[in-house]
Each structure stands twice: as C-alpha cells, then as structure tokens.
C-alpha cells in the first residue's frame, strides 16, 4: 500500500487481510451495497467472485471503492465522471478529442504538463490496485 492510501485505509479499517462481502464492505465504507455494485458496473472497483458468484472485497477493492468515494466527495463529481476520467487517462482516442474541445472552448492550458503526468500515473496506480 502506498503512503498516500494509508490514511484512507486507517480511516476505514482496511487491512491487508481484509475480505468482506458486499454488505460488510458497504458497512465498512459507509455506503450501500447498491452503490458498490454501481461502482463495479462503472469499472471503479472489480472485486473477484467466489465459486458461488458472491463478491469478495479484499484490500485493493476496498481501497479502490474508498478512494472513489473520497474523490467524488472532494471534487463534487458523480461516480460516472470518475469512470470517464479513468477512460480518458487510459484511452488516447478519448483524450485527444477532449484536448481539441479544450482548445476550441479556449480553456487555458495547464501551466505544466507535469500535473497531467501526475494524474495519469495516479490513475494507473488506481487501476493496478483495482485489478
């Protein structure tokens, strides 16, 4: 676990040996099973399933769900916006038209591309955690 995720893990009691059902995971994270399943359909979390088809939320899954909720709250965006953001970070075919839109809308370019590189690296780390 990275240092940046340690406070999030501590706040939710997420440990390396964590393994929760969807109901227990929702309770741990202060959300609902329905919201966790919704985040799963968006690709924000990908818990493995047991042979019987039940979701098993382990440490990376719990961290991904907790971080998604934290980002949604921090930036005032819905889960679908995060899912689209992840798609932009990983799909150049989506990123380029958005850059063109930014130019046409005369949005100022960020002062440095380093900020975008940081967000890209962060997004890729999140994807690795979720997978």
Foldseek 3Di string as FASTA:
>chain_A
DDPVLVVLCVQLVADQAAKDFLQVLCVSLVHHSVVLVVLVVLVQAPFDADPVGTGIQHRLRSSSVNVLVVVCVVVVHDSNVVSVVLCLLVPVVVVVVVVVVCVVVVPDDPPDCVVVVVVSVVSVVSSVSRD
